[in-house]
Amino acid sequence: MANIKIYSLPTCPHCHHAKEFLSSKNLEFTDFNVADDKAAREEMIKLSNQRAVPVIVIEDQVIIGFDQQKIDEALSKQ
């Protein structure tokens, strides 16, 4: 199973869609609320070079925004 992290905000609709998409595939992921977790926010910025959410990390592939095609491509490599 792939190691999946999602950096999100509770008020972000794209973040909710991304988490629903991953859950619909029965995938486990770690969700980091970057509004409350300063260390996670700094890690997200370091990984993505921006402050936009969601940032999804599947193993070592960083996906900025909710992009189903990129998520599926990253998962197919696992």
PDB file of N, CA and C in Angstrom:
ATOM      1  N   MET A   1       0.839  -1.183   0.000  1.00  0.00           N
ATOM      2  CA  MET A   1       0.000   0.000   0.000  1.00  0.00           C
ATOM      3  C   MET A   1       0.880   1.240   0.000  1.00  0.00           C
ATOM      4  N   ALA A   2       0.490   2.211  -0.784  1.00  0.00           N
ATOM      5  CA  ALA A   2       1.259   3.439  -0.926  1.00  0.00           C
ATOM      6  C   ALA A   2       1.168   4.298   0.330  1.00  0.00           C
ATOM      7  N   ASN A   3       2.230   5.022   0.598  1.00  0.00           N
ATOM      8  CA  ASN A   3       2.248   6.002   1.673  1.00  0.00           C
ATOM      9  C   ASN A   3       1.667   7.292   1.106  1.00  0.00           C
ATOM     10  N   ILE A   4       0.499   7.716   1.614  1.00  0.00           N
ATOM     11  CA  ILE A   4      -0.198   8.882   1.074  1.00  0.00           C
ATOM     12  C   ILE A   4      -0.399   9.900   2.180  1.00  0.00           C
ATOM     13  N   LYS A   5      -0.024  11.142   1.866  1.00  0.00           N
ATOM     14  CA  LYS A   5      -0.250  12.266   2.771  1.00  0.00           C
ATOM     15  C   LYS A   5      -1.041  13.316   2.005  1.00  0.00           C
ATOM     16  N   ILE A   6      -1.944  13.985   2.705  1.00  0.00           N
ATOM     17  CA  ILE A   6      -2.645  15.108   2.110  1.00  0.00           C
ATOM     18  C   ILE A   6      -2.574  16.284   3.076  1.00  0.00           C
ATOM     19  N   TYR A   7      -2.134  17.399   2.545  1.00  0.00           N
ATOM     20  CA  TYR A   7      -2.059  18.636   3.307  1.00  0.00           C
ATOM     21  C   TYR A   7      -3.278  19.454   2.900  1.00  0.00           C
ATOM     22  N   SER A   8      -4.102  19.821   3.875  1.00  0.00           N
ATOM     23  CA  SER A   8      -5.387  20.417   3.538  1.00  0.00           C
ATOM     24  C   SER A   8      -5.820  21.469   4.549  1.00  0.00           C
ATOM     25  N   LEU A   9      -6.920  22.119   4.215  1.00  0.00           N
ATOM     26  CA  LEU A   9      -7.596  23.057   5.108  1.00  0.00           C
ATOM     27  C   LEU A   9      -9.033  22.580   5.282  1.00  0.00           C
ATOM     28  N   PRO A  10      -9.614  22.748   6.457  1.00  0.00           N
ATOM     29  CA  PRO A  10     -10.979  22.272   6.676  1.00  0.00           C
ATOM     30  C   PRO A  10     -12.016  22.975   5.804  1.00  0.00           C
ATOM     31  N   THR A  11     -11.713  24.190   5.358  1.00  0.00           N
ATOM     32  CA  THR A  11     -12.674  24.961   4.566  1.00  0.00           C
ATOM     33  C   THR A  11     -12.476  24.816   3.061  1.00  0.00           C
ATOM     34  N   CYS A  12     -11.557  23.983   2.634  1.00  0.00           N
ATOM     35  CA  CYS A  12     -11.195  23.853   1.217  1.00  0.00           C
ATOM     36  C   CYS A  12     -12.037  22.765   0.538  1.00  0.00           C
ATOM     37  N   PRO A  13     -12.913  23.148  -0.408  1.00  0.00           N
ATOM     38  CA  PRO A  13     -13.739  22.141  -1.077  1.00  0.00           C
ATOM     39  C   PRO A  13     -12.907  21.152  -1.898  1.00  0.00           C
ATOM     40  N   HIS A  14     -11.830  21.614  -2.516  1.00  0.00           N
ATOM     41  CA  HIS A  14     -10.985  20.707  -3.307  1.00  0.00           C
ATOM     42  C   HIS A  14     -10.301  19.676  -2.408  1.00  0.00           C
ATOM     43  N   CYS A  15      -9.980  20.089  -1.196  1.00  0.00           N
ATOM     44  CA  CYS A  15      -9.389  19.165  -0.222  1.00  0.00           C
ATOM     45  C   CYS A  15     -10.390  18.069   0.133  1.00  0.00           C
ATOM     46  N   HIS A  16     -11.635  18.466   0.362  1.00  0.00           N
ATOM     47  CA  HIS A  16     -12.679  17.490   0.684  1.00  0.00           C
ATOM     48  C   HIS A  16     -12.882  16.509  -0.464  1.00  0.00           C
ATOM     49  N   HIS A  17     -12.887  17.031  -1.701  1.00  0.00           N
ATOM     50  CA  HIS A  17     -13.052  16.150  -2.865  1.00  0.00           C
ATOM     51  C   HIS A  17     -11.882  15.176  -2.986  1.00  0.00           C
ATOM     52  N   ALA A  18     -10.682  15.657  -2.729  1.00  0.00           N
ATOM     53  CA  ALA A  18      -9.502  14.790  -2.809  1.00  0.00           C
ATOM     54  C   ALA A  18      -9.583  13.664  -1.785  1.00  0.00           C
ATOM     55  N   LYS A  19      -9.978  14.007  -0.557  1.00  0.00           N
ATOM     56  CA  LYS A  19     -10.086  12.983   0.491  1.00  0.00           C
ATOM     57  C   LYS A  19     -11.206  11.997   0.184  1.00  0.00           C
ATOM     58  N   GLU A  20     -12.318  12.493  -0.348  1.00  0.00           N
ATOM     59  CA  GLU A  20     -13.416  11.597  -0.745  1.00  0.00           C
ATOM     60  C   GLU A  20     -12.966  10.660  -1.859  1.00  0.00           C
ATOM     61  N   PHE A  21     -12.215  11.189  -2.811  1.00  0.00           N
ATOM     62  CA  PHE A  21     -11.715  10.378  -3.922  1.00  0.00           C
ATOM     63  C   PHE A  21     -10.806   9.267  -3.408  1.00  0.00           C
ATOM     64  N   LEU A  22      -9.870   9.604  -2.532  1.00  0.00           N
ATOM     65  CA  LEU A  22      -8.963   8.598  -1.981  1.00  0.00           C
ATOM     66  C   LEU A  22      -9.743   7.568  -1.158  1.00  0.00           C
ATOM     67  N   SER A  23     -10.693   8.032  -0.364  1.00  0.00           N
ATOM     68  CA  SER A  23     -11.509   7.112   0.438  1.00  0.00           C
ATOM     69  C   SER A  23     -12.342   6.188  -0.440  1.00  0.00           C
ATOM     70  N   SER A  24     -12.835   6.706  -1.572  1.00  0.00           N
ATOM     71  CA  SER A  24     -13.644   5.881  -2.473  1.00  0.00           C
ATOM     72  C   SER A  24     -12.836   4.736  -3.070  1.00  0.00           C
ATOM     73  N   LYS A  25     -11.516   4.897  -3.083  1.00  0.00           N
ATOM     74  CA  LYS A  25     -10.626   3.849  -3.580  1.00  0.00           C
ATOM     75  C   LYS A  25     -10.117   2.964  -2.437  1.00  0.00           C
ATOM     76  N   ASN A  26     -10.709   3.151  -1.246  1.00  0.00           N
ATOM     77  CA  ASN A  26     -10.316   2.406  -0.051  1.00  0.00           C
ATOM     78  C   ASN A  26      -8.839   2.571   0.278  1.00  0.00           C
ATOM     79  N   LEU A  27      -8.338   3.781   0.072  1.00  0.00           N
ATOM     80  CA  LEU A  27      -6.938   4.073   0.355  1.00  0.00           C
ATOM     81  C   LEU A  27      -6.831   4.790   1.695  1.00  0.00           C
ATOM     82  N   GLU A  28      -5.850   4.391   2.470  1.00  0.00           N
ATOM     83  CA  GLU A  28      -5.588   5.062   3.731  1.00  0.00           C
ATOM     84  C   GLU A  28      -4.613   6.200   3.465  1.00  0.00           C
ATOM     85  N   PHE A  29      -4.835   7.310   4.146  1.00  0.00           N
ATOM     86  CA  PHE A  29      -3.960   8.463   3.990  1.00  0.00           C
ATOM     87  C   PHE A  29      -3.885   9.204   5.306  1.00  0.00           C
ATOM     88  N   THR A  30      -2.820   9.973   5.444  1.00  0.00           N
ATOM     89  CA  THR A  30      -2.657  10.826   6.611  1.00  0.00           C
ATOM     90  C   THR A  30      -3.010  12.241   6.197  1.00  0.00           C
ATOM     91  N   ASP A  31      -3.943  12.844   6.921  1.00  0.00           N
ATOM     92  CA  ASP A  31      -4.414  14.187   6.610  1.00  0.00           C
ATOM     93  C   ASP A  31      -3.789  15.173   7.587  1.00  0.00           C
ATOM     94  N   PHE A  32      -3.159  16.206   7.055  1.00  0.00           N
ATOM     95  CA  PHE A  32      -2.555  17.253   7.870  1.00  0.00           C
ATOM     96  C   PHE A  32      -3.325  18.548   7.661  1.00  0.00           C
ATOM     97  N   ASN A  33      -3.902  19.081   8.729  1.00  0.00           N
ATOM     98  CA  ASN A  33      -4.609  20.354   8.692  1.00  0.00           C
ATOM     99  C   ASN A  33      -3.568  21.462   8.825  1.00  0.00           C
ATOM    100  N   VAL A  34      -3.224  22.093   7.706  1.00  0.00           N
ATOM    101  CA  VAL A  34      -2.141  23.083   7.725  1.00  0.00           C
ATOM    102  C   VAL A  34      -2.559  24.403   8.362  1.00  0.00           C
ATOM    103  N   ALA A  35      -3.844  24.560   8.680  1.00  0.00           N
ATOM    104  CA  ALA A  35      -4.279  25.748   9.410  1.00  0.00           C
ATOM    105  C   ALA A  35      -3.845  25.652  10.873  1.00  0.00           C
ATOM    106  N   ASP A  36      -3.854  24.442  11.416  1.00  0.00           N
ATOM    107  CA  ASP A  36      -3.543  24.230  12.833  1.00  0.00           C
ATOM    108  C   ASP A  36      -2.139  23.691  13.092  1.00  0.00           C
ATOM    109  N   ASP A  37      -1.546  23.056  12.106  1.00  0.00           N
ATOM    110  CA  ASP A  37      -0.274  22.351  12.285  1.00  0.00           C
ATOM    111  C   ASP A  37       0.836  23.109  11.548  1.00  0.00           C
ATOM    112  N   LYS A  38       1.561  23.942  12.300  1.00  0.00           N
ATOM    113  CA  LYS A  38       2.603  24.777  11.698  1.00  0.00           C
ATOM    114  C   LYS A  38       3.707  23.936  11.057  1.00  0.00           C
ATOM    115  N   ALA A  39       4.113  22.865  11.704  1.00  0.00           N
ATOM    116  CA  ALA A  39       5.174  22.011  11.156  1.00  0.00           C
ATOM    117  C   ALA A  39       4.728  21.383   9.829  1.00  0.00           C
ATOM    118  N   ALA A  40       3.476  20.936   9.773  1.00  0.00           N
ATOM    119  CA  ALA A  40       2.956  20.350   8.530  1.00  0.00           C
ATOM    120  C   ALA A  40       2.877  21.413   7.440  1.00  0.00           C
ATOM    121  N   ARG A  41       2.467  22.624   7.805  1.00  0.00           N
ATOM    122  CA  ARG A  41       2.386  23.722   6.833  1.00  0.00           C
ATOM    123  C   ARG A  41       3.767  24.014   6.256  1.00  0.00           C
ATOM    124  N   GLU A  42       4.776  24.065   7.108  1.00  0.00           N
ATOM    125  CA  GLU A  42       6.142  24.321   6.639  1.00  0.00           C
ATOM    126  C   GLU A  42       6.643  23.183   5.754  1.00  0.00           C
ATOM    127  N   GLU A  43       6.310  21.941   6.129  1.00  0.00           N
ATOM    128  CA  GLU A  43       6.697  20.782   5.317  1.00  0.00           C
ATOM    129  C   GLU A  43       6.025  20.845   3.947  1.00  0.00           C
ATOM    130  N   MET A  44       4.729  21.211   3.910  1.00  0.00           N
ATOM    131  CA  MET A  44       3.999  21.325   2.654  1.00  0.00           C
ATOM    132  C   MET A  44       4.637  22.374   1.747  1.00  0.00           C
ATOM    133  N   ILE A  45       4.980  23.513   2.315  1.00  0.00           N
ATOM    134  CA  ILE A  45       5.596  24.586   1.527  1.00  0.00           C
ATOM    135  C   ILE A  45       6.946  24.137   0.990  1.00  0.00           C
ATOM    136  N   LYS A  46       7.702  23.427   1.807  1.00  0.00           N
ATOM    137  CA  LYS A  46       9.009  22.924   1.367  1.00  0.00           C
ATOM    138  C   LYS A  46       8.849  21.927   0.213  1.00  0.00           C
ATOM    139  N   LEU A  47       7.844  21.062   0.301  1.00  0.00           N
ATOM    140  CA  LEU A  47       7.613  20.060  -0.742  1.00  0.00           C
ATOM    141  C   LEU A  47       7.091  20.663  -2.042  1.00  0.00           C
ATOM    142  N   SER A  48       6.184  21.644  -1.921  1.00  0.00           N
ATOM    143  CA  SER A  48       5.475  22.140  -3.104  1.00  0.00           C
ATOM    144  C   SER A  48       5.920  23.522  -3.572  1.00  0.00           C
ATOM    145  N   ASN A  49       6.693  24.215  -2.749  1.00  0.00           N
ATOM    146  CA  ASN A  49       7.118  25.583  -3.055  1.00  0.00           C
ATOM    147  C   ASN A  49       5.953  26.551  -3.197  1.00  0.00           C
ATOM    148  N   GLN A  50       4.840  26.249  -2.524  1.00  0.00           N
ATOM    149  CA  GLN A  50       3.703  27.157  -2.534  1.00  0.00           C
ATOM    150  C   GLN A  50       2.806  26.897  -1.340  1.00  0.00           C
ATOM    151  N   ARG A  51       1.791  27.741  -1.189  1.00  0.00           N
ATOM    152  CA  ARG A  51       0.882  27.639  -0.051  1.00  0.00           C
ATOM    153  C   ARG A  51      -0.490  27.102  -0.449  1.00  0.00           C
ATOM    154  N   ALA A  52      -0.691  26.772  -1.705  1.00  0.00           N
ATOM    155  CA  ALA A  52      -1.987  26.288  -2.180  1.00  0.00           C
ATOM    156  C   ALA A  52      -2.262  24.891  -1.643  1.00  0.00           C
ATOM    157  N   VAL A  53      -3.531  24.611  -1.357  1.00  0.00           N
ATOM    158  CA  VAL A  53      -3.961  23.283  -0.923  1.00  0.00           C
ATOM    159  C   VAL A  53      -5.035  22.779  -1.884  1.00  0.00           C
ATOM    160  N   PRO A  54      -5.234  21.495  -1.985  1.00  0.00           N
ATOM    161  CA  PRO A  54      -4.492  20.452  -1.294  1.00  0.00           C
ATOM    162  C   PRO A  54      -3.156  20.161  -1.969  1.00  0.00           C
ATOM    163  N   VAL A  55      -2.250  19.649  -1.168  1.00  0.00           N
ATOM    164  CA  VAL A  55      -1.013  19.066  -1.674  1.00  0.00           C
ATOM    165  C   VAL A  55      -1.065  17.601  -1.264  1.00  0.00           C
ATOM    166  N   ILE A  56      -0.963  16.733  -2.261  1.00  0.00           N
ATOM    167  CA  ILE A  56      -1.057  15.289  -2.029  1.00  0.00           C
ATOM    168  C   ILE A  56       0.306  14.687  -2.346  1.00  0.00           C
ATOM    169  N   VAL A  57       0.811  13.889  -1.426  1.00  0.00           N
ATOM    170  CA  VAL A  57       2.097  13.229  -1.635  1.00  0.00           C
ATOM    171  C   VAL A  57       1.850  11.726  -1.618  1.00  0.00           C
ATOM    172  N   ILE A  58       2.151  11.086  -2.742  1.00  0.00           N
ATOM    173  CA  ILE A  58       2.027   9.632  -2.861  1.00  0.00           C
ATOM    174  C   ILE A  58       3.439   9.096  -3.045  1.00  0.00           C
ATOM    175  N   GLU A  59       3.921   8.433  -1.996  1.00  0.00           N
ATOM    176  CA  GLU A  59       5.329   8.028  -1.899  1.00  0.00           C
ATOM    177  C   GLU A  59       6.187   9.279  -2.047  1.00  0.00           C
ATOM    178  N   ASP A  60       6.879   9.467  -3.177  1.00  0.00           N
ATOM    179  CA  ASP A  60       7.722  10.652  -3.332  1.00  0.00           C
ATOM    180  C   ASP A  60       7.202  11.595  -4.408  1.00  0.00           C
ATOM    181  N   GLN A  61       6.007  11.339  -4.921  1.00  0.00           N
ATOM    182  CA  GLN A  61       5.434  12.207  -5.952  1.00  0.00           C
ATOM    183  C   GLN A  61       4.512  13.243  -5.314  1.00  0.00           C
ATOM    184  N   VAL A  62       4.774  14.511  -5.602  1.00  0.00           N
ATOM    185  CA  VAL A  62       3.994  15.622  -5.057  1.00  0.00           C
ATOM    186  C   VAL A  62       2.985  16.069  -6.114  1.00  0.00           C
ATOM    187  N   ILE A  63       1.712  16.090  -5.716  1.00  0.00           N
ATOM    188  CA  ILE A  63       0.639  16.520  -6.607  1.00  0.00           C
ATOM    189  C   ILE A  63       0.005  17.755  -5.978  1.00  0.00           C
ATOM    190  N   ILE A  64       0.002  18.835  -6.732  1.00  0.00           N
ATOM    191  CA  ILE A  64      -0.553  20.089  -6.242  1.00  0.00           C
ATOM    192  C   ILE A  64      -1.966  20.229  -6.790  1.00  0.00           C
ATOM    193  N   GLY A  65      -2.910  20.384  -5.886  1.00  0.00           N
ATOM    194  CA  GLY A  65      -4.310  20.474  -6.285  1.00  0.00           C
ATOM    195  C   GLY A  65      -4.934  19.096  -6.402  1.00  0.00           C
ATOM    196  N   PHE A  66      -6.246  19.076  -6.598  1.00  0.00           N
ATOM    197  CA  PHE A  66      -6.961  17.810  -6.742  1.00  0.00           C
ATOM    198  C   PHE A  66      -7.005  17.452  -8.213  1.00  0.00           C
ATOM    199  N   ASP A  67      -6.102  16.569  -8.631  1.00  0.00           N
ATOM    200  CA  ASP A  67      -5.982  16.141 -10.023  1.00  0.00           C
ATOM    201  C   ASP A  67      -6.114  14.619 -10.053  1.00  0.00           C
ATOM    202  N   GLN A  68      -7.325  14.150 -10.377  1.00  0.00           N
ATOM    203  CA  GLN A  68      -7.596  12.707 -10.350  1.00  0.00           C
ATOM    204  C   GLN A  68      -6.650  11.929 -11.247  1.00  0.00           C
ATOM    205  N   GLN A  69      -6.363  12.456 -12.428  1.00  0.00           N
ATOM    206  CA  GLN A  69      -5.483  11.748 -13.359  1.00  0.00           C
ATOM    207  C   GLN A  69      -4.085  11.581 -12.774  1.00  0.00           C
ATOM    208  N   LYS A  70      -3.538  12.631 -12.192  1.00  0.00           N
ATOM    209  CA  LYS A  70      -2.191  12.535 -11.597  1.00  0.00           C
ATOM    210  C   LYS A  70      -2.193  11.604 -10.393  1.00  0.00           C
ATOM    211  N   ILE A  71      -3.278  11.628  -9.614  1.00  0.00           N
ATOM    212  CA  ILE A  71      -3.379  10.720  -8.473  1.00  0.00           C
ATOM    213  C   ILE A  71      -3.387   9.279  -8.959  1.00  0.00           C
ATOM    214  N   ASP A  72      -4.219   8.983  -9.956  1.00  0.00           N
ATOM    215  CA  ASP A  72      -4.291   7.625 -10.494  1.00  0.00           C
ATOM    216  C   ASP A  72      -2.961   7.184 -11.088  1.00  0.00           C
ATOM    217  N   GLU A  73      -2.262   8.095 -11.774  1.00  0.00           N
ATOM    218  CA  GLU A  73      -0.960   7.762 -12.354  1.00  0.00           C
ATOM    219  C   GLU A  73       0.047   7.435 -11.248  1.00  0.00           C
ATOM    220  N   ALA A  74       0.048   8.225 -10.187  1.00  0.00           N
ATOM    221  CA  ALA A  74       0.979   7.986  -9.075  1.00  0.00           C
ATOM    222  C   ALA A  74       0.660   6.670  -8.400  1.00  0.00           C
ATOM    223  N   LEU A  75      -0.625   6.369  -8.233  1.00  0.00           N
ATOM    224  CA  LEU A  75      -1.009   5.110  -7.581  1.00  0.00           C
ATOM    225  C   LEU A  75      -0.672   3.906  -8.449  1.00  0.00           C
ATOM    226  N   SER A  76      -0.739   4.068  -9.766  1.00  0.00           N
ATOM    227  CA  SER A  76      -0.453   2.932 -10.647  1.00  0.00           C
ATOM    228  C   SER A  76       1.022   2.549 -10.626  1.00  0.00           C
ATOM    229  N   LYS A  77       1.871   3.452 -10.173  1.00  0.00           N
ATOM    230  CA  LYS A  77       3.308   3.172 -10.073  1.00  0.00           C
ATOM    231  C   LYS A  77       3.669   2.421  -8.807  1.00  0.00           C
ATOM    232  N   GLN A  78       2.688   2.251  -7.907  1.00  0.00           N
ATOM    233  CA  GLN A  78       2.950   1.604  -6.626  1.00  0.00           C
ATOM    234  C   GLN A  78       2.698   0.109  -6.718  1.00  0.00           C
TER     235      GLN A  78
END
